[in-house]
Amino acid sequence: IAALEALLEAQTRLDPARLSPLLTDAAQAFLARKDAASLDMGIRLATGFKLSGAEPQLIALVDGTAGTTDASIRALALGALAETGTGRVAVFEDLIASARDPAIRTAAVGALASSKEADAPERLLKLWARLPASDKRLALERLSAGKTGASAVVNAVKTGSLKAEDIDGATLERLQAVLGANDPEIVALLDKLGEFFRPVLILDGSDEAR
């Protein structure tokens, strides 16, 4: 375990491609155990080195088929799945809709909002009405950080899936940074939201922007 801890500490200086087969075996072995310490190590290895080969074991932890009820372990496994780039986004979607534990739901929201799958933003926004305010803030923070998610947010406001009051100044700044101040989507969004947000969106420093 000490050797694995050292690898985790030095992960940014290592070549993941060379280590992946060995570390995948190690992560799978830890994830097959039932004690929290072993599961934590397996999840940390999968997260730190983006071990997609550990996906089946992580899915089993998340959906309960591994027999784990520890919410903190399941939440960590959700984060690991997000880091490994899983395409199984329906798992996140189902948990957002059904999880009774707020920590599990929040972790699923973060994982789905961070997913690189093209349909992930739409899946998350369809569940918008189910989310508490804190999860909505997390979702917007993650979605607005990437172009696909930012475009989905803008489109959701345009179609009425998101309300104007769901969008705050920080989100608007991120949308502008990602899509560009002169992007037609941003211009249309500004028109929809009204004059209140115009000083936030127009930040190009020109006289006309003041």
N, C-alpha and C. Protein backbone atom coordinates (compact mmCIF):
# COMPACT_ATOMS: atom_id res chain seq x y z
N ILE A 1 0.83 -1.20 0.00
CA ILE A 1 0.00 0.00 0.00
C ILE A 1 0.87 1.25 0.00
N ALA A 2 1.97 1.20 0.72
CA ALA A 2 2.87 2.37 0.76
C ALA A 2 3.38 2.71 -0.64
N ALA A 3 3.67 1.67 -1.44
CA ALA A 3 4.16 1.91 -2.80
C ALA A 3 3.07 2.56 -3.65
N LEU A 4 1.83 2.14 -3.46
CA LEU A 4 0.73 2.73 -4.22
C LEU A 4 0.49 4.18 -3.79
N GLU A 5 0.61 4.44 -2.51
CA GLU A 5 0.48 5.82 -2.03
C GLU A 5 1.54 6.71 -2.68
N ALA A 6 2.76 6.18 -2.79
CA ALA A 6 3.84 6.94 -3.43
C ALA A 6 3.53 7.21 -4.89
N LEU A 7 2.96 6.23 -5.57
CA LEU A 7 2.58 6.41 -6.98
C LEU A 7 1.50 7.48 -7.11
N LEU A 8 0.55 7.46 -6.21
CA LEU A 8 -0.52 8.46 -6.25
C LEU A 8 0.03 9.87 -6.04
N GLU A 9 1.00 9.99 -5.14
CA GLU A 9 1.60 11.30 -4.88
C GLU A 9 2.40 11.79 -6.09
N ALA A 10 2.97 10.85 -6.85
CA ALA A 10 3.82 11.22 -7.98
C ALA A 10 3.10 11.08 -9.33
N GLN A 11 1.79 10.94 -9.32
CA GLN A 11 1.06 10.61 -10.54
C GLN A 11 1.26 11.60 -11.67
N THR A 12 1.42 12.88 -11.35
CA THR A 12 1.58 13.88 -12.41
C THR A 12 2.91 13.76 -13.14
N ARG A 13 3.86 13.04 -12.54
CA ARG A 13 5.17 12.89 -13.15
C ARG A 13 5.37 11.53 -13.81
N LEU A 14 4.32 10.72 -13.81
CA LEU A 14 4.42 9.36 -14.32
C LEU A 14 3.68 9.22 -15.65
N ASP A 15 4.04 8.16 -16.39
CA ASP A 15 3.38 7.85 -17.66
C ASP A 15 2.23 6.88 -17.39
N PRO A 16 0.97 7.35 -17.42
CA PRO A 16 -0.16 6.48 -17.10
C PRO A 16 -0.28 5.28 -18.04
N ALA A 17 0.10 5.47 -19.31
CA ALA A 17 -0.05 4.38 -20.27
C ALA A 17 0.77 3.16 -19.88
N ARG A 18 1.96 3.39 -19.36
CA ARG A 18 2.82 2.27 -18.96
C ARG A 18 2.31 1.59 -17.69
N LEU A 19 1.77 2.39 -16.80
CA LEU A 19 1.37 1.85 -15.51
C LEU A 19 -0.06 1.32 -15.51
N SER A 20 -0.85 1.70 -16.49
CA SER A 20 -2.27 1.38 -16.47
C SER A 20 -2.59 -0.10 -16.29
N PRO A 21 -1.96 -1.02 -17.03
CA PRO A 21 -2.32 -2.43 -16.84
C PRO A 21 -2.08 -2.93 -15.41
N LEU A 22 -0.93 -2.57 -14.86
CA LEU A 22 -0.60 -3.00 -13.50
C LEU A 22 -1.54 -2.37 -12.48
N LEU A 23 -1.77 -1.07 -12.63
CA LEU A 23 -2.62 -0.37 -11.67
C LEU A 23 -4.08 -0.75 -11.80
N THR A 24 -4.51 -1.10 -13.01
CA THR A 24 -5.89 -1.56 -13.18
C THR A 24 -6.11 -2.85 -12.41
N ASP A 25 -5.15 -3.77 -12.49
CA ASP A 25 -5.24 -5.02 -11.73
C ASP A 25 -5.30 -4.73 -10.23
N ALA A 26 -4.46 -3.80 -9.79
CA ALA A 26 -4.44 -3.47 -8.37
C ALA A 26 -5.76 -2.84 -7.94
N ALA A 27 -6.27 -1.90 -8.75
CA ALA A 27 -7.52 -1.24 -8.42
C ALA A 27 -8.67 -2.24 -8.37
N GLN A 28 -8.72 -3.14 -9.33
CA GLN A 28 -9.78 -4.15 -9.36
C GLN A 28 -9.71 -5.05 -8.12
N ALA A 29 -8.51 -5.39 -7.71
CA ALA A 29 -8.35 -6.24 -6.52
C ALA A 29 -8.86 -5.52 -5.27
N PHE A 30 -8.52 -4.26 -5.13
CA PHE A 30 -9.00 -3.50 -3.97
C PHE A 30 -10.51 -3.32 -4.01
N LEU A 31 -11.04 -3.06 -5.20
CA LEU A 31 -12.48 -2.83 -5.33
C LEU A 31 -13.30 -4.09 -5.12
N ALA A 32 -12.65 -5.24 -5.22
CA ALA A 32 -13.35 -6.51 -4.99
C ALA A 32 -13.51 -6.81 -3.50
N ARG A 33 -12.80 -6.09 -2.67
CA ARG A 33 -12.90 -6.29 -1.23
C ARG A 33 -14.09 -5.50 -0.67
N LYS A 34 -14.40 -5.76 0.57
CA LYS A 34 -15.58 -5.13 1.17
C LYS A 34 -15.25 -4.04 2.18
N ASP A 35 -14.01 -4.02 2.68
CA ASP A 35 -13.69 -3.03 3.71
C ASP A 35 -13.49 -1.65 3.10
N ALA A 36 -13.82 -0.63 3.85
CA ALA A 36 -13.80 0.74 3.36
C ALA A 36 -12.41 1.19 2.92
N ALA A 37 -11.38 0.78 3.66
CA ALA A 37 -10.02 1.21 3.32
C ALA A 37 -9.59 0.68 1.95
N SER A 38 -9.92 -0.58 1.67
CA SER A 38 -9.57 -1.16 0.38
C SER A 38 -10.35 -0.49 -0.75
N LEU A 39 -11.64 -0.29 -0.51
CA LEU A 39 -12.46 0.36 -1.53
C LEU A 39 -11.97 1.78 -1.80
N ASP A 40 -11.59 2.47 -0.75
CA ASP A 40 -11.07 3.83 -0.92
C ASP A 40 -9.80 3.83 -1.76
N MET A 41 -8.91 2.90 -1.51
CA MET A 41 -7.67 2.82 -2.29
C MET A 41 -7.97 2.50 -3.76
N GLY A 42 -8.86 1.55 -3.99
CA GLY A 42 -9.21 1.21 -5.36
C GLY A 42 -9.81 2.39 -6.11
N ILE A 43 -10.66 3.14 -5.43
CA ILE A 43 -11.28 4.31 -6.05
C ILE A 43 -10.24 5.39 -6.33
N ARG A 44 -9.35 5.59 -5.39
CA ARG A 44 -8.31 6.61 -5.58
C ARG A 44 -7.39 6.26 -6.75
N LEU A 45 -7.06 5.00 -6.90
CA LEU A 45 -6.23 4.57 -8.02
C LEU A 45 -6.97 4.80 -9.34
N ALA A 46 -8.24 4.41 -9.37
CA ALA A 46 -9.03 4.58 -10.59
C ALA A 46 -9.18 6.05 -10.94
N THR A 47 -9.35 6.88 -9.92
CA THR A 47 -9.52 8.32 -10.16
C THR A 47 -8.21 8.96 -10.59
N GLY A 48 -7.16 8.69 -9.83
CA GLY A 48 -5.88 9.35 -10.09
C GLY A 48 -5.27 9.01 -11.42
N PHE A 49 -5.46 7.76 -11.86
CA PHE A 49 -4.84 7.31 -13.11
C PHE A 49 -5.87 7.06 -14.22
N LYS A 50 -7.12 7.47 -13.96
CA LYS A 50 -8.19 7.37 -14.97
C LYS A 50 -8.26 5.95 -15.56
N LEU A 51 -8.43 4.99 -14.68
CA LEU A 51 -8.38 3.58 -15.06
C LEU A 51 -9.75 3.11 -15.54
N SER A 52 -9.98 3.19 -16.83
CA SER A 52 -11.27 2.79 -17.39
C SER A 52 -11.53 1.30 -17.19
N GLY A 53 -10.47 0.51 -17.03
CA GLY A 53 -10.64 -0.92 -16.81
C GLY A 53 -11.32 -1.26 -15.50
N ALA A 54 -11.37 -0.29 -14.58
CA ALA A 54 -12.03 -0.52 -13.29
C ALA A 54 -13.50 -0.13 -13.33
N GLU A 55 -13.98 0.25 -14.50
CA GLU A 55 -15.36 0.74 -14.61
C GLU A 55 -16.40 -0.25 -14.11
N PRO A 56 -16.34 -1.54 -14.45
CA PRO A 56 -17.38 -2.46 -13.95
C PRO A 56 -17.48 -2.49 -12.43
N GLN A 57 -16.34 -2.49 -11.76
CA GLN A 57 -16.36 -2.51 -10.30
C GLN A 57 -16.91 -1.20 -9.73
N LEU A 58 -16.56 -0.09 -10.37
CA LEU A 58 -17.07 1.21 -9.91
C LEU A 58 -18.58 1.30 -10.12
N ILE A 59 -19.05 0.82 -11.26
CA ILE A 59 -20.49 0.81 -11.52
C ILE A 59 -21.21 -0.01 -10.46
N ALA A 60 -20.63 -1.15 -10.11
CA ALA A 60 -21.24 -2.02 -9.11
C ALA A 60 -21.34 -1.33 -7.75
N LEU A 61 -20.33 -0.54 -7.41
CA LEU A 61 -20.38 0.22 -6.16
C LEU A 61 -21.48 1.28 -6.22
N VAL A 62 -21.59 1.92 -7.36
CA VAL A 62 -22.53 3.02 -7.51
C VAL A 62 -23.97 2.53 -7.51
N ASP A 63 -24.24 1.47 -8.27
CA ASP A 63 -25.64 1.03 -8.40
C ASP A 63 -26.09 0.07 -7.30
N GLY A 64 -25.16 -0.24 -6.38
CA GLY A 64 -25.53 -1.06 -5.23
C GLY A 64 -25.36 -2.55 -5.40
N THR A 65 -25.03 -3.00 -6.59
CA THR A 65 -24.91 -4.44 -6.81
C THR A 65 -23.68 -5.03 -6.11
N ALA A 66 -22.74 -4.18 -5.72
CA ALA A 66 -21.58 -4.67 -4.96
C ALA A 66 -21.90 -4.85 -3.49
N GLY A 67 -23.09 -4.45 -3.10
CA GLY A 67 -23.51 -4.63 -1.71
C GLY A 67 -23.06 -3.53 -0.77
N THR A 68 -22.50 -2.44 -1.31
CA THR A 68 -22.01 -1.35 -0.48
C THR A 68 -23.11 -0.33 -0.22
N THR A 69 -23.34 0.00 1.02
CA THR A 69 -24.34 1.00 1.37
C THR A 69 -23.72 2.31 1.85
N ASP A 70 -22.40 2.33 2.01
CA ASP A 70 -21.70 3.52 2.48
C ASP A 70 -21.84 4.64 1.45
N ALA A 71 -22.55 5.70 1.81
CA ALA A 71 -22.81 6.78 0.86
C ALA A 71 -21.53 7.48 0.43
N SER A 72 -20.57 7.60 1.34
CA SER A 72 -19.33 8.30 0.99
C SER A 72 -18.54 7.50 -0.05
N ILE A 73 -18.53 6.18 0.08
CA ILE A 73 -17.84 5.33 -0.89
C ILE A 73 -18.53 5.41 -2.25
N ARG A 74 -19.84 5.37 -2.25
CA ARG A 74 -20.59 5.45 -3.52
C ARG A 74 -20.37 6.79 -4.19
N ALA A 75 -20.32 7.86 -3.40
CA ALA A 75 -20.08 9.19 -3.97
C ALA A 75 -18.69 9.28 -4.58
N LEU A 76 -17.70 8.70 -3.88
CA LEU A 76 -16.34 8.69 -4.43
C LEU A 76 -16.27 7.88 -5.72
N ALA A 77 -16.99 6.77 -5.77
CA ALA A 77 -17.02 5.95 -6.97
C ALA A 77 -17.65 6.71 -8.14
N LEU A 78 -18.65 7.50 -7.87
CA LEU A 78 -19.26 8.34 -8.91
C LEU A 78 -18.23 9.32 -9.46
N GLY A 79 -17.46 9.92 -8.56
CA GLY A 79 -16.42 10.84 -9.01
C GLY A 79 -15.37 10.14 -9.84
N ALA A 80 -15.04 8.91 -9.46
CA ALA A 80 -14.05 8.14 -10.22
C ALA A 80 -14.56 7.83 -11.62
N LEU A 81 -15.83 7.48 -11.72
CA LEU A 81 -16.42 7.21 -13.04
C LEU A 81 -16.37 8.44 -13.93
N ALA A 82 -16.62 9.60 -13.33
CA ALA A 82 -16.54 10.84 -14.09
C ALA A 82 -15.12 11.08 -14.59
N GLU A 83 -14.13 10.81 -13.73
CA GLU A 83 -12.74 11.02 -14.10
C GLU A 83 -12.27 10.05 -15.19
N THR A 84 -12.77 8.82 -15.15
CA THR A 84 -12.35 7.84 -16.14
C THR A 84 -13.02 8.04 -17.48
N GLY A 85 -14.00 8.94 -17.54
CA GLY A 85 -14.65 9.25 -18.81
C GLY A 85 -15.63 8.20 -19.27
N THR A 86 -16.33 7.57 -18.34
CA THR A 86 -17.29 6.55 -18.70
C THR A 86 -18.37 7.09 -19.64
N GLY A 87 -18.83 6.23 -20.53
CA GLY A 87 -19.94 6.59 -21.39
C GLY A 87 -21.27 6.17 -20.80
N ARG A 88 -21.24 5.56 -19.62
CA ARG A 88 -22.47 5.04 -18.99
C ARG A 88 -23.18 6.15 -18.23
N VAL A 89 -23.51 7.23 -18.91
CA VAL A 89 -24.10 8.38 -18.23
C VAL A 89 -25.51 8.11 -17.73
N ALA A 90 -26.16 7.09 -18.26
CA ALA A 90 -27.49 6.75 -17.77
C ALA A 90 -27.46 6.37 -16.30
N VAL A 91 -26.32 5.86 -15.83
CA VAL A 91 -26.17 5.53 -14.41
C VAL A 91 -26.29 6.79 -13.57
N PHE A 92 -25.63 7.86 -14.01
CA PHE A 92 -25.72 9.13 -13.29
C PHE A 92 -27.16 9.66 -13.33
N GLU A 93 -27.75 9.59 -14.51
CA GLU A 93 -29.11 10.09 -14.69
C GLU A 93 -30.09 9.36 -13.76
N ASP A 94 -29.98 8.06 -13.70
CA ASP A 94 -30.89 7.27 -12.85
C ASP A 94 -30.73 7.63 -11.38
N LEU A 95 -29.49 7.84 -10.95
CA LEU A 95 -29.26 8.17 -9.54
C LEU A 95 -29.79 9.56 -9.18
N ILE A 96 -29.67 10.49 -10.10
CA ILE A 96 -30.22 11.83 -9.85
C ILE A 96 -31.72 11.74 -9.63
N ALA A 97 -32.36 10.88 -10.41
CA ALA A 97 -33.81 10.75 -10.33
C ALA A 97 -34.27 9.94 -9.12
N SER A 98 -33.42 9.01 -8.66
CA SER A 98 -33.91 8.07 -7.66
C SER A 98 -33.19 8.08 -6.31
N ALA A 99 -31.99 8.64 -6.24
CA ALA A 99 -31.21 8.56 -5.00
C ALA A 99 -31.91 9.27 -3.84
N ARG A 100 -31.98 8.59 -2.72
CA ARG A 100 -32.57 9.19 -1.53
C ARG A 100 -31.55 9.98 -0.73
N ASP A 101 -30.29 9.60 -0.85
CA ASP A 101 -29.23 10.28 -0.12
C ASP A 101 -28.78 11.52 -0.90
N PRO A 102 -28.86 12.70 -0.29
CA PRO A 102 -28.47 13.93 -0.99
C PRO A 102 -27.03 13.92 -1.49
N ALA A 103 -26.13 13.27 -0.74
CA ALA A 103 -24.72 13.23 -1.14
C ALA A 103 -24.55 12.42 -2.43
N ILE A 104 -25.31 11.33 -2.56
CA ILE A 104 -25.26 10.53 -3.77
C ILE A 104 -25.81 11.31 -4.95
N ARG A 105 -26.93 11.97 -4.74
CA ARG A 105 -27.53 12.76 -5.82
C ARG A 105 -26.58 13.86 -6.27
N THR A 106 -25.98 14.56 -5.32
CA THR A 106 -25.07 15.65 -5.67
C THR A 106 -23.86 15.13 -6.44
N ALA A 107 -23.32 14.00 -6.00
CA ALA A 107 -22.18 13.41 -6.72
C ALA A 107 -22.58 13.01 -8.13
N ALA A 108 -23.80 12.49 -8.30
CA ALA A 108 -24.28 12.12 -9.63
C ALA A 108 -24.47 13.34 -10.50
N VAL A 109 -24.96 14.43 -9.93
CA VAL A 109 -25.11 15.68 -10.68
C VAL A 109 -23.75 16.17 -11.16
N GLY A 110 -22.78 16.16 -10.26
CA GLY A 110 -21.44 16.61 -10.64
C GLY A 110 -20.83 15.74 -11.72
N ALA A 111 -21.04 14.42 -11.62
CA ALA A 111 -20.50 13.50 -12.61
C ALA A 111 -21.16 13.69 -13.97
N LEU A 112 -22.47 13.83 -14.00
CA LEU A 112 -23.17 14.01 -15.27
C LEU A 112 -22.83 15.36 -15.90
N ALA A 113 -22.73 16.40 -15.06
CA ALA A 113 -22.39 17.72 -15.58
C ALA A 113 -20.98 17.79 -16.12
N SER A 114 -20.09 16.94 -15.61
CA SER A 114 -18.69 16.93 -16.05
C SER A 114 -18.44 15.99 -17.22
N SER A 115 -19.42 15.16 -17.55
CA SER A 115 -19.24 14.15 -18.58
C SER A 115 -18.97 14.78 -19.94
N LYS A 116 -18.12 14.12 -20.72
CA LYS A 116 -17.79 14.57 -22.08
C LYS A 116 -18.75 14.00 -23.12
N GLU A 117 -19.68 13.15 -22.69
CA GLU A 117 -20.64 12.60 -23.63
C GLU A 117 -21.53 13.71 -24.19
N ALA A 118 -21.78 13.67 -25.48
CA ALA A 118 -22.48 14.77 -26.15
C ALA A 118 -23.89 15.01 -25.59
N ASP A 119 -24.54 13.94 -25.16
CA ASP A 119 -25.92 14.10 -24.69
C ASP A 119 -26.03 14.32 -23.18
N ALA A 120 -24.91 14.37 -22.49
CA ALA A 120 -24.94 14.51 -21.03
C ALA A 120 -25.62 15.81 -20.58
N PRO A 121 -25.30 16.98 -21.18
CA PRO A 121 -25.97 18.20 -20.72
C PRO A 121 -27.48 18.13 -20.86
N GLU A 122 -27.98 17.60 -21.98
CA GLU A 122 -29.42 17.50 -22.19
C GLU A 122 -30.05 16.56 -21.17
N ARG A 123 -29.38 15.46 -20.88
CA ARG A 123 -29.90 14.53 -19.87
C ARG A 123 -30.04 15.21 -18.52
N LEU A 124 -29.04 16.01 -18.16
CA LEU A 124 -29.07 16.68 -16.86
C LEU A 124 -30.14 17.76 -16.82
N LEU A 125 -30.23 18.54 -17.88
CA LEU A 125 -31.19 19.64 -17.89
C LEU A 125 -32.64 19.14 -17.88
N LYS A 126 -32.88 17.94 -18.39
CA LYS A 126 -34.23 17.37 -18.34
C LYS A 126 -34.65 17.07 -16.90
N LEU A 127 -33.67 16.92 -16.02
CA LEU A 127 -33.95 16.61 -14.61
C LEU A 127 -33.95 17.86 -13.74
N TRP A 128 -33.87 19.03 -14.36
CA TRP A 128 -33.69 20.28 -13.64
C TRP A 128 -34.70 20.49 -12.52
N ALA A 129 -35.95 20.21 -12.79
CA ALA A 129 -37.01 20.46 -11.80
C ALA A 129 -36.85 19.61 -10.54
N ARG A 130 -36.11 18.51 -10.64
CA ARG A 130 -35.91 17.63 -9.49
C ARG A 130 -34.79 18.12 -8.56
N LEU A 131 -33.98 19.06 -9.03
CA LEU A 131 -32.77 19.42 -8.30
C LEU A 131 -33.02 20.51 -7.27
N PRO A 132 -32.40 20.39 -6.09
CA PRO A 132 -32.42 21.49 -5.13
C PRO A 132 -31.49 22.61 -5.61
N ALA A 133 -31.58 23.75 -4.99
CA ALA A 133 -30.80 24.92 -5.43
C ALA A 133 -29.30 24.65 -5.44
N SER A 134 -28.80 23.95 -4.43
CA SER A 134 -27.35 23.72 -4.36
C SER A 134 -26.87 22.86 -5.53
N ASP A 135 -27.66 21.87 -5.91
CA ASP A 135 -27.28 21.02 -7.04
C ASP A 135 -27.42 21.77 -8.37
N LYS A 136 -28.36 22.67 -8.44
CA LYS A 136 -28.49 23.50 -9.65
C LYS A 136 -27.26 24.38 -9.83
N ARG A 137 -26.78 24.94 -8.74
CA ARG A 137 -25.57 25.77 -8.82
C ARG A 137 -24.37 24.94 -9.29
N LEU A 138 -24.23 23.74 -8.72
CA LEU A 138 -23.15 22.86 -9.13
C LEU A 138 -23.26 22.50 -10.61
N ALA A 139 -24.46 22.17 -11.04
CA ALA A 139 -24.67 21.80 -12.44
C ALA A 139 -24.31 22.94 -13.38
N LEU A 140 -24.74 24.14 -13.06
CA LEU A 140 -24.44 25.29 -13.92
C LEU A 140 -22.95 25.60 -13.93
N GLU A 141 -22.30 25.45 -12.78
CA GLU A 141 -20.85 25.71 -12.71
C GLU A 141 -20.10 24.75 -13.64
N ARG A 142 -20.47 23.48 -13.61
CA ARG A 142 -19.78 22.49 -14.44
C ARG A 142 -20.17 22.63 -15.91
N LEU A 143 -21.46 22.77 -16.18
CA LEU A 143 -21.92 22.84 -17.57
C LEU A 143 -21.36 24.06 -18.29
N SER A 144 -21.33 25.18 -17.62
CA SER A 144 -20.91 26.42 -18.26
C SER A 144 -19.41 26.49 -18.48
N ALA A 145 -18.68 25.49 -18.00
CA ALA A 145 -17.21 25.49 -18.16
C ALA A 145 -16.76 24.90 -19.49
N GLY A 146 -17.66 24.27 -20.23
CA GLY A 146 -17.30 23.66 -21.52
C GLY A 146 -18.27 24.08 -22.61
N LYS A 147 -17.83 24.01 -23.84
CA LYS A 147 -18.64 24.56 -24.93
C LYS A 147 -19.96 23.82 -25.11
N THR A 148 -19.93 22.49 -25.06
CA THR A 148 -21.17 21.73 -25.25
C THR A 148 -22.17 22.05 -24.16
N GLY A 149 -21.70 22.06 -22.91
CA GLY A 149 -22.57 22.36 -21.79
C GLY A 149 -23.07 23.80 -21.82
N ALA A 150 -22.16 24.72 -22.16
CA ALA A 150 -22.55 26.13 -22.21
C ALA A 150 -23.64 26.36 -23.26
N SER A 151 -23.48 25.75 -24.41
CA SER A 151 -24.49 25.89 -25.47
C SER A 151 -25.82 25.30 -25.02
N ALA A 152 -25.76 24.18 -24.30
CA ALA A 152 -26.99 23.56 -23.80
C ALA A 152 -27.69 24.46 -22.80
N VAL A 153 -26.92 25.12 -21.93
CA VAL A 153 -27.50 26.04 -20.95
C VAL A 153 -28.19 27.20 -21.67
N VAL A 154 -27.50 27.79 -22.63
CA VAL A 154 -28.07 28.92 -23.37
C VAL A 154 -29.36 28.49 -24.07
N ASN A 155 -29.33 27.32 -24.68
CA ASN A 155 -30.51 26.84 -25.40
C ASN A 155 -31.67 26.56 -24.44
N ALA A 156 -31.33 26.07 -23.24
CA ALA A 156 -32.37 25.78 -22.25
C ALA A 156 -33.05 27.06 -21.78
N VAL A 157 -32.30 28.15 -21.66
CA VAL A 157 -32.90 29.43 -21.31
C VAL A 157 -33.79 29.91 -22.45
N LYS A 158 -33.31 29.73 -23.66
CA LYS A 158 -34.07 30.18 -24.84
C LYS A 158 -35.40 29.45 -24.96
N THR A 159 -35.40 28.16 -24.65
CA THR A 159 -36.62 27.37 -24.79
C THR A 159 -37.50 27.41 -23.54
N GLY A 160 -36.97 27.98 -22.47
CA GLY A 160 -37.75 28.07 -21.24
C GLY A 160 -37.53 26.93 -20.27
N SER A 161 -36.65 25.98 -20.61
CA SER A 161 -36.35 24.88 -19.68
C SER A 161 -35.67 25.40 -18.41
N LEU A 162 -34.85 26.43 -18.57
CA LEU A 162 -34.25 27.14 -17.44
C LEU A 162 -34.88 28.52 -17.37
N LYS A 163 -35.09 28.99 -16.16
CA LYS A 163 -35.64 30.33 -15.96
C LYS A 163 -34.50 31.34 -15.86
N ALA A 164 -34.81 32.58 -16.17
CA ALA A 164 -33.80 33.64 -16.11
C ALA A 164 -33.16 33.72 -14.73
N GLU A 165 -33.98 33.49 -13.69
CA GLU A 165 -33.44 33.60 -12.33
C GLU A 165 -32.50 32.45 -11.98
N ASP A 166 -32.46 31.40 -12.80
CA ASP A 166 -31.50 30.32 -12.57
C ASP A 166 -30.08 30.73 -12.94
N ILE A 167 -29.96 31.77 -13.76
CA ILE A 167 -28.66 32.20 -14.27
C ILE A 167 -28.16 33.38 -13.45
N ASP A 168 -27.00 33.22 -12.81
CA ASP A 168 -26.43 34.33 -12.05
C ASP A 168 -25.26 34.95 -12.81
N GLY A 169 -24.70 35.99 -12.24
CA GLY A 169 -23.63 36.71 -12.92
C GLY A 169 -22.41 35.86 -13.19
N ALA A 170 -22.02 35.01 -12.24
CA ALA A 170 -20.85 34.15 -12.43
C ALA A 170 -21.06 33.19 -13.59
N THR A 171 -22.26 32.65 -13.70
CA THR A 171 -22.56 31.74 -14.81
C THR A 171 -22.49 32.47 -16.14
N LEU A 172 -23.01 33.68 -16.18
CA LEU A 172 -22.97 34.47 -17.41
C LEU A 172 -21.53 34.77 -17.83
N GLU A 173 -20.69 35.05 -16.87
CA GLU A 173 -19.28 35.31 -17.20
C GLU A 173 -18.62 34.08 -17.80
N ARG A 174 -18.92 32.92 -17.23
CA ARG A 174 -18.34 31.68 -17.77
C ARG A 174 -18.88 31.40 -19.17
N LEU A 175 -20.17 31.62 -19.36
CA LEU A 175 -20.76 31.40 -20.68
C LEU A 175 -20.11 32.30 -21.73
N GLN A 176 -19.88 33.54 -21.35
CA GLN A 176 -19.24 34.48 -22.26
C GLN A 176 -17.81 34.05 -22.57
N ALA A 177 -17.10 33.61 -21.54
CA ALA A 177 -15.70 33.21 -21.74
C ALA A 177 -15.60 31.99 -22.65
N VAL A 178 -16.54 31.08 -22.51
CA VAL A 178 -16.50 29.84 -23.29
C VAL A 178 -17.01 30.04 -24.71
N LEU A 179 -18.12 30.77 -24.86
CA LEU A 179 -18.74 30.91 -26.17
C LEU A 179 -18.31 32.17 -26.91
N GLY A 180 -17.81 33.17 -26.17
CA GLY A 180 -17.39 34.42 -26.80
C GLY A 180 -18.46 35.49 -26.66
N ALA A 181 -18.02 36.71 -26.37
CA ALA A 181 -18.97 37.81 -26.12
C ALA A 181 -19.85 38.11 -27.32
N ASN A 182 -19.33 37.87 -28.53
CA ASN A 182 -20.08 38.20 -29.74
C ASN A 182 -20.79 37.00 -30.35
N ASP A 183 -20.75 35.88 -29.67
CA ASP A 183 -21.43 34.70 -30.18
C ASP A 183 -22.94 34.97 -30.25
N PRO A 184 -23.59 34.58 -31.34
CA PRO A 184 -25.03 34.82 -31.47
C PRO A 184 -25.85 34.25 -30.32
N GLU A 185 -25.41 33.12 -29.77
CA GLU A 185 -26.14 32.53 -28.65
C GLU A 185 -26.09 33.44 -27.42
N ILE A 186 -24.92 34.03 -27.17
CA ILE A 186 -24.77 34.93 -26.04
C ILE A 186 -25.57 36.21 -26.26
N VAL A 187 -25.53 36.74 -27.47
CA VAL A 187 -26.30 37.95 -27.79
C VAL A 187 -27.78 37.70 -27.58
N ALA A 188 -28.26 36.55 -28.05
CA ALA A 188 -29.68 36.21 -27.89
C ALA A 188 -30.03 36.02 -26.42
N LEU A 189 -29.09 35.43 -25.66
CA LEU A 189 -29.33 35.24 -24.23
C LEU A 189 -29.44 36.57 -23.52
N LEU A 190 -28.55 37.49 -23.85
CA LEU A 190 -28.59 38.82 -23.25
C LEU A 190 -29.90 39.52 -23.53
N ASP A 191 -30.36 39.39 -24.76
CA ASP A 191 -31.65 39.99 -25.11
C ASP A 191 -32.78 39.40 -24.29
N LYS A 192 -32.70 38.10 -24.04
CA LYS A 192 -33.77 37.44 -23.29
C LYS A 192 -33.74 37.81 -21.81
N LEU A 193 -32.51 37.92 -21.27
CA LEU A 193 -32.40 38.20 -19.84
C LEU A 193 -32.59 39.67 -19.50
N GLY A 194 -32.41 40.54 -20.51
CA GLY A 194 -32.66 41.95 -20.29
C GLY A 194 -31.43 42.74 -19.90
N GLU A 195 -31.63 43.99 -19.64
CA GLU A 195 -30.55 44.92 -19.40
C GLU A 195 -29.79 44.67 -18.10
N PHE A 196 -30.41 43.95 -17.17
CA PHE A 196 -29.79 43.78 -15.86
C PHE A 196 -28.41 43.15 -15.95
N PHE A 197 -28.25 42.17 -16.87
CA PHE A 197 -27.00 41.44 -16.96
C PHE A 197 -26.04 42.00 -18.00
N ARG A 198 -26.44 43.04 -18.71
CA ARG A 198 -25.58 43.53 -19.78
C ARG A 198 -24.18 43.93 -19.29
N PRO A 199 -24.02 44.61 -18.15
CA PRO A 199 -22.65 44.94 -17.69
C PRO A 199 -21.81 43.70 -17.40
N VAL A 200 -22.44 42.60 -17.05
CA VAL A 200 -21.69 41.38 -16.77
C VAL A 200 -21.18 40.75 -18.05
N LEU A 201 -22.03 40.76 -19.08
CA LEU A 201 -21.69 40.07 -20.31
C LEU A 201 -20.72 40.83 -21.18
N ILE A 202 -20.85 42.16 -21.23
CA ILE A 202 -20.03 42.93 -22.16
C ILE A 202 -18.80 43.43 -21.42
N LEU A 203 -17.70 42.74 -21.59
CA LEU A 203 -16.49 43.01 -20.81
C LEU A 203 -15.28 43.19 -21.72
N ASP A 204 -15.53 43.69 -22.95
CA ASP A 204 -14.39 43.75 -23.88
C ASP A 204 -13.53 44.99 -23.70
N GLY A 205 -13.94 45.91 -22.81
CA GLY A 205 -13.10 47.04 -22.48
C GLY A 205 -13.24 48.24 -23.41
N SER A 206 -14.06 48.13 -24.45
CA SER A 206 -14.22 49.25 -25.38
C SER A 206 -15.15 50.30 -24.78
N ASP A 207 -15.12 51.51 -25.37
CA ASP A 207 -15.98 52.57 -24.88
C ASP A 207 -17.45 52.19 -25.02
N GLU A 208 -17.75 51.44 -26.12
CA GLU A 208 -19.13 51.07 -26.36
C GLU A 208 -19.65 50.10 -25.30
N ALA A 209 -18.71 49.41 -24.64
CA ALA A 209 -19.11 48.41 -23.66
C ALA A 209 -19.41 49.02 -22.31
N ARG A 210 -19.17 50.32 -22.17
CA ARG A 210 -19.32 50.95 -20.86
C ARG A 210 -20.62 51.72 -20.76
